[in-house]
Amino acid sequence: MACAAARSPADQDRFVCIYPAYLNNKKTIAEGRRIPISKAVENPTATEIQDVCSAVGLNAFLEKNKMYSREWNRDAQYRGRVRIQLKQEDGSLCLTQFPSL
């Protein structure tokens, strides 16, 4: 436990993970969608998610070879996840308009 407490929120392994399935309006909640259908989009890719996050000023990086565990389709279109930094080294928010995702 002491090791986990000493890690900084700015470490890349502490960034928030977003998989395309979280935002896909074609998925059910059981299949991994985490937002309402009215706010979801059709078949987003990890690259598109990274582009949008970078455009609004978030520190985001793409991990191309990662797969969401509930995703049954192994095509390249469904691969990838985006890691996003929400907190700085001192624990304060990177962007105050995004307190959480």
C-alpha atoms as a PDB file:
ATOM      1  CA  MET A   1       0.000   0.000   0.000  1.00  0.00           C
ATOM      2  CA  ALA A   2       2.794   2.442   0.749  1.00  0.00           C
ATOM      3  CA  CYS A   3       4.026   2.113  -2.823  1.00  0.00           C
ATOM      4  CA  ALA A   4       0.621   3.018  -4.287  1.00  0.00           C
ATOM      5  CA  ALA A   5       0.317   6.079  -2.060  1.00  0.00           C
ATOM      6  CA  ALA A   6       3.716   7.369  -3.177  1.00  0.00           C
ATOM      7  CA  ARG A   7       2.833   7.322  -6.902  1.00  0.00           C
ATOM      8  CA  SER A   8       2.074  10.652  -8.487  1.00  0.00           C
ATOM      9  CA  PRO A   9      -1.247  11.366 -10.249  1.00  0.00           C
ATOM     10  CA  ALA A  10       0.884  12.539 -13.188  1.00  0.00           C
ATOM     11  CA  ASP A  11       2.354   9.041 -13.760  1.00  0.00           C
ATOM     12  CA  GLN A  12       1.114   7.670 -17.077  1.00  0.00           C
ATOM     13  CA  ASP A  13      -0.112   4.457 -15.482  1.00  0.00           C
ATOM     14  CA  ARG A  14      -2.446   6.584 -13.289  1.00  0.00           C
ATOM     15  CA  PHE A  15      -4.145   8.247 -16.289  1.00  0.00           C
ATOM     16  CA  VAL A  16      -7.817   7.468 -16.960  1.00  0.00           C
ATOM     17  CA  CYS A  17      -8.414   4.827 -19.667  1.00  0.00           C
ATOM     18  CA  ILE A  18     -11.073   5.293 -22.329  1.00  0.00           C
ATOM     19  CA  TYR A  19     -11.954   2.482 -24.704  1.00  0.00           C
ATOM     20  CA  PRO A  20     -14.036   3.182 -27.838  1.00  0.00           C
ATOM     21  CA  ALA A  21     -16.726   0.784 -26.560  1.00  0.00           C
ATOM     22  CA  TYR A  22     -17.460   3.230 -23.708  1.00  0.00           C
ATOM     23  CA  LEU A  23     -18.713   5.799 -26.257  1.00  0.00           C
ATOM     24  CA  ASN A  24     -20.244   3.540 -28.924  1.00  0.00           C
ATOM     25  CA  ASN A  25     -24.011   3.962 -29.403  1.00  0.00           C
ATOM     26  CA  LYS A  26     -24.189   0.517 -31.066  1.00  0.00           C
ATOM     27  CA  LYS A  27     -23.196  -1.164 -27.788  1.00  0.00           C
ATOM     28  CA  THR A  28     -25.438  -1.974 -24.854  1.00  0.00           C
ATOM     29  CA  ILE A  29     -24.465  -1.312 -21.265  1.00  0.00           C
ATOM     30  CA  ALA A  30     -23.753  -5.044 -20.911  1.00  0.00           C
ATOM     31  CA  GLU A  31     -21.382  -4.797 -23.886  1.00  0.00           C
ATOM     32  CA  GLY A  32     -19.472  -1.934 -22.293  1.00  0.00           C
ATOM     33  CA  ARG A  33     -21.140   1.386 -23.155  1.00  0.00           C
ATOM     34  CA  ARG A  34     -20.777   3.774 -20.196  1.00  0.00           C
ATOM     35  CA  ILE A  35     -22.605   6.891 -21.341  1.00  0.00           C
ATOM     36  CA  PRO A  36     -26.226   7.520 -22.427  1.00  0.00           C
ATOM     37  CA  ILE A  37     -27.045   6.652 -26.042  1.00  0.00           C
ATOM     38  CA  SER A  38     -28.017  10.277 -26.648  1.00  0.00           C
ATOM     39  CA  LYS A  39     -24.410  11.350 -25.977  1.00  0.00           C
ATOM     40  CA  ALA A  40     -22.711   8.367 -27.631  1.00  0.00           C
ATOM     41  CA  VAL A  41     -21.447   8.258 -31.212  1.00  0.00           C
ATOM     42  CA  GLU A  42     -21.450   5.554 -33.853  1.00  0.00           C
ATOM     43  CA  ASN A  43     -18.347   3.361 -33.892  1.00  0.00           C
ATOM     44  CA  PRO A  44     -15.693   5.755 -32.537  1.00  0.00           C
ATOM     45  CA  THR A  45     -12.042   4.818 -32.925  1.00  0.00           C
ATOM     46  CA  ALA A  46      -9.293   5.298 -30.375  1.00  0.00           C
ATOM     47  CA  THR A  47      -7.535   7.683 -32.763  1.00  0.00           C
ATOM     48  CA  GLU A  48     -10.650   9.882 -32.987  1.00  0.00           C
ATOM     49  CA  ILE A  49     -10.951   9.933 -29.205  1.00  0.00           C
ATOM     50  CA  GLN A  50      -7.305  10.958 -28.873  1.00  0.00           C
ATOM     51  CA  ASP A  51      -7.755  13.719 -31.467  1.00  0.00           C
ATOM     52  CA  VAL A  52     -10.768  15.181 -29.668  1.00  0.00           C
ATOM     53  CA  CYS A  53      -9.076  15.045 -26.258  1.00  0.00           C
ATOM     54  CA  SER A  54      -5.946  16.707 -27.613  1.00  0.00           C
ATOM     55  CA  ALA A  55      -8.033  19.392 -29.352  1.00  0.00           C
ATOM     56  CA  VAL A  56      -9.633  20.456 -26.056  1.00  0.00           C
ATOM     57  CA  GLY A  57      -6.248  20.566 -24.326  1.00  0.00           C
ATOM     58  CA  LEU A  58      -6.094  17.291 -22.431  1.00  0.00           C
ATOM     59  CA  ASN A  59      -2.848  15.336 -22.250  1.00  0.00           C
ATOM     60  CA  ALA A  60      -3.844  12.118 -24.057  1.00  0.00           C
ATOM     61  CA  PHE A  61      -1.877   9.293 -25.601  1.00  0.00           C
ATOM     62  CA  LEU A  62      -2.933   6.293 -27.642  1.00  0.00           C
ATOM     63  CA  GLU A  63      -2.136   2.669 -26.840  1.00  0.00           C
ATOM     64  CA  LYS A  64      -2.831   0.971 -30.182  1.00  0.00           C
ATOM     65  CA  ASN A  65      -2.442  -2.682 -29.215  1.00  0.00           C
ATOM     66  CA  LYS A  66      -4.779  -2.697 -26.220  1.00  0.00           C
ATOM     67  CA  MET A  67      -8.204  -4.347 -26.420  1.00  0.00           C
ATOM     68  CA  TYR A  68     -11.307  -3.911 -24.304  1.00  0.00           C
ATOM     69  CA  SER A  69     -12.017  -7.196 -22.534  1.00  0.00           C
ATOM     70  CA  ARG A  70     -15.718  -7.236 -23.523  1.00  0.00           C
ATOM     71  CA  GLU A  71     -15.003  -6.591 -27.203  1.00  0.00           C
ATOM     72  CA  TRP A  72     -15.546  -9.824 -29.112  1.00  0.00           C
ATOM     73  CA  ASN A  73     -14.436  -8.400 -32.463  1.00  0.00           C
ATOM     74  CA  ARG A  74     -10.644  -8.452 -32.852  1.00  0.00           C
ATOM     75  CA  ASP A  75     -10.492  -6.264 -35.985  1.00  0.00           C
ATOM     76  CA  ALA A  76      -8.030  -3.371 -36.082  1.00  0.00           C
ATOM     77  CA  GLN A  77     -10.954  -0.912 -36.067  1.00  0.00           C
ATOM     78  CA  TYR A  78     -11.846  -1.948 -32.499  1.00  0.00           C
ATOM     79  CA  ARG A  79      -8.311  -1.960 -31.109  1.00  0.00           C
ATOM     80  CA  GLY A  80      -6.778   0.696 -28.936  1.00  0.00           C
ATOM     81  CA  ARG A  81      -7.424   2.732 -25.861  1.00  0.00           C
ATOM     82  CA  VAL A  82      -6.684   6.305 -24.885  1.00  0.00           C
ATOM     83  CA  ARG A  83      -5.115   7.327 -21.590  1.00  0.00           C
ATOM     84  CA  ILE A  84      -5.961  10.816 -20.372  1.00  0.00           C
ATOM     85  CA  GLN A  85      -4.315  12.847 -17.626  1.00  0.00           C
ATOM     86  CA  LEU A  86      -6.872  14.510 -15.343  1.00  0.00           C
ATOM     87  CA  LYS A  87      -4.616  15.516 -12.438  1.00  0.00           C
ATOM     88  CA  GLN A  88      -1.253  17.244 -12.263  1.00  0.00           C
ATOM     89  CA  GLU A  89       1.734  16.326 -10.112  1.00  0.00           C
ATOM     90  CA  ASP A  90       0.338  18.202  -7.097  1.00  0.00           C
ATOM     91  CA  GLY A  91      -3.109  16.574  -7.388  1.00  0.00           C
ATOM     92  CA  SER A  92      -4.895  19.601  -8.863  1.00  0.00           C
ATOM     93  CA  LEU A  93      -7.003  19.261 -12.006  1.00  0.00           C
ATOM     94  CA  CYS A  94      -5.319  19.754 -15.375  1.00  0.00           C
ATOM     95  CA  LEU A  95      -8.415  21.472 -16.788  1.00  0.00           C
ATOM     96  CA  THR A  96     -11.104  22.687 -14.399  1.00  0.00           C
ATOM     97  CA  GLN A  97     -13.895  22.237 -16.957  1.00  0.00           C
ATOM     98  CA  PHE A  98     -13.247  18.444 -16.842  1.00  0.00           C
ATOM     99  CA  PRO A  99     -13.302  17.419 -13.163  1.00  0.00           C
ATOM    100  CA  SER A 100     -14.092  13.827 -14.150  1.00  0.00           C
ATOM    101  CA  LEU A 101     -14.899  11.814 -17.256  1.00  0.00           C
END
